[in-house]
């Protein structure tokens, strides 16, 4: 399984990247700064699951 973590805030992408590297999870987790509305354009898709915690998916 691989995970693509996304957020519109660059600070949150920096935070997740700072946690990925020390755990050597670069081959399983990647992070991309973007809005959830941009996900259909991603070459990594289609996605099996989308999870949103206090984010855009909770508001639509």
C-alpha atoms as a PDB file:
ATOM      1  CA  UNK A   1       0.000   0.000   0.000  1.00  0.00           C
ATOM      2  CA  UNK A   2       1.145   3.521  -0.751  1.00  0.00           C
ATOM      3  CA  UNK A   3      -0.176   6.789   0.634  1.00  0.00           C
ATOM      4  CA  UNK A   4      -0.357  10.219  -0.968  1.00  0.00           C
ATOM      5  CA  UNK A   5      -0.812  12.879   1.711  1.00  0.00           C
ATOM      6  CA  UNK A   6      -2.122  16.232   0.495  1.00  0.00           C
ATOM      7  CA  UNK A   7      -2.759  19.643   2.003  1.00  0.00           C
ATOM      8  CA  UNK A   8      -3.088  23.165   0.643  1.00  0.00           C
ATOM      9  CA  UNK A   9      -0.796  24.500   3.373  1.00  0.00           C
ATOM     10  CA  UNK A  10       2.933  24.295   2.682  1.00  0.00           C
ATOM     11  CA  UNK A  11       3.615  24.131   6.432  1.00  0.00           C
ATOM     12  CA  UNK A  12       1.611  20.933   6.745  1.00  0.00           C
ATOM     13  CA  UNK A  13       3.494  19.360   3.834  1.00  0.00           C
ATOM     14  CA  UNK A  14       6.776  20.292   5.529  1.00  0.00           C
ATOM     15  CA  UNK A  15       5.518  18.726   8.771  1.00  0.00           C
ATOM     16  CA  UNK A  16       4.562  15.387   7.190  1.00  0.00           C
ATOM     17  CA  UNK A  17       7.805  15.267   5.214  1.00  0.00           C
ATOM     18  CA  UNK A  18       9.740  15.782   8.447  1.00  0.00           C
ATOM     19  CA  UNK A  19       8.044  12.669   9.832  1.00  0.00           C
ATOM     20  CA  UNK A  20       8.358  10.488   6.714  1.00  0.00           C
ATOM     21  CA  UNK A  21      12.141  10.683   6.300  1.00  0.00           C
ATOM     22  CA  UNK A  22      13.271   9.670   9.817  1.00  0.00           C
ATOM     23  CA  UNK A  23      11.053   6.587   9.588  1.00  0.00           C
ATOM     24  CA  UNK A  24      12.406   5.656   6.134  1.00  0.00           C
ATOM     25  CA  UNK A  25       8.913   5.619   4.651  1.00  0.00           C
ATOM     26  CA  UNK A  26       9.699   7.520   1.443  1.00  0.00           C
ATOM     27  CA  UNK A  27       8.863   4.477  -0.684  1.00  0.00           C
ATOM     28  CA  UNK A  28       5.405   4.173   0.902  1.00  0.00           C
ATOM     29  CA  UNK A  29       4.321   7.745   1.699  1.00  0.00           C
ATOM     30  CA  UNK A  30       4.587  10.868  -0.421  1.00  0.00           C
ATOM     31  CA  UNK A  31       3.234  14.354   0.188  1.00  0.00           C
ATOM     32  CA  UNK A  32       1.929  16.885  -2.311  1.00  0.00           C
ATOM     33  CA  UNK A  33       0.741  20.429  -1.764  1.00  0.00           C
ATOM     34  CA  UNK A  34      -2.640  20.707  -3.451  1.00  0.00           C
ATOM     35  CA  UNK A  35      -6.362  21.008  -2.905  1.00  0.00           C
ATOM     36  CA  UNK A  36      -8.564  17.921  -2.828  1.00  0.00           C
ATOM     37  CA  UNK A  37     -10.291  19.315  -5.918  1.00  0.00           C
ATOM     38  CA  UNK A  38      -7.058  18.668  -7.865  1.00  0.00           C
ATOM     39  CA  UNK A  39      -6.930  14.926  -7.075  1.00  0.00           C
ATOM     40  CA  UNK A  40      -8.681  13.792 -10.293  1.00  0.00           C
ATOM     41  CA  UNK A  41      -5.754  15.285 -12.250  1.00  0.00           C
ATOM     42  CA  UNK A  42      -3.062  13.292 -10.399  1.00  0.00           C
ATOM     43  CA  UNK A  43      -1.203  10.604 -12.358  1.00  0.00           C
ATOM     44  CA  UNK A  44      -0.977   8.496  -9.156  1.00  0.00           C
ATOM     45  CA  UNK A  45      -4.740   7.864  -9.310  1.00  0.00           C
ATOM     46  CA  UNK A  46      -7.220   6.432  -9.390  1.00  0.00           C
ATOM     47  CA  UNK A  47      -7.342   6.280  -5.625  1.00  0.00           C
ATOM     48  CA  UNK A  48      -8.926   3.496  -3.594  1.00  0.00           C
ATOM     49  CA  UNK A  49      -9.689   5.644  -0.551  1.00  0.00           C
ATOM     50  CA  UNK A  50      -9.900   9.341   0.303  1.00  0.00           C
ATOM     51  CA  UNK A  51      -9.782  10.409   3.951  1.00  0.00           C
ATOM     52  CA  UNK A  52     -10.381  13.935   5.159  1.00  0.00           C
ATOM     53  CA  UNK A  53      -9.989  15.110   8.737  1.00  0.00           C
ATOM     54  CA  UNK A  54     -11.354  18.605   9.335  1.00  0.00           C
ATOM     55  CA  UNK A  55     -10.782  19.431   5.675  1.00  0.00           C
ATOM     56  CA  UNK A  56     -12.508  20.152   2.410  1.00  0.00           C
ATOM     57  CA  UNK A  57     -14.195  16.770   1.962  1.00  0.00           C
ATOM     58  CA  UNK A  58     -16.029  17.294   5.243  1.00  0.00           C
ATOM     59  CA  UNK A  59     -17.533  20.533   3.911  1.00  0.00           C
ATOM     60  CA  UNK A  60     -19.084  19.345   0.650  1.00  0.00           C
END
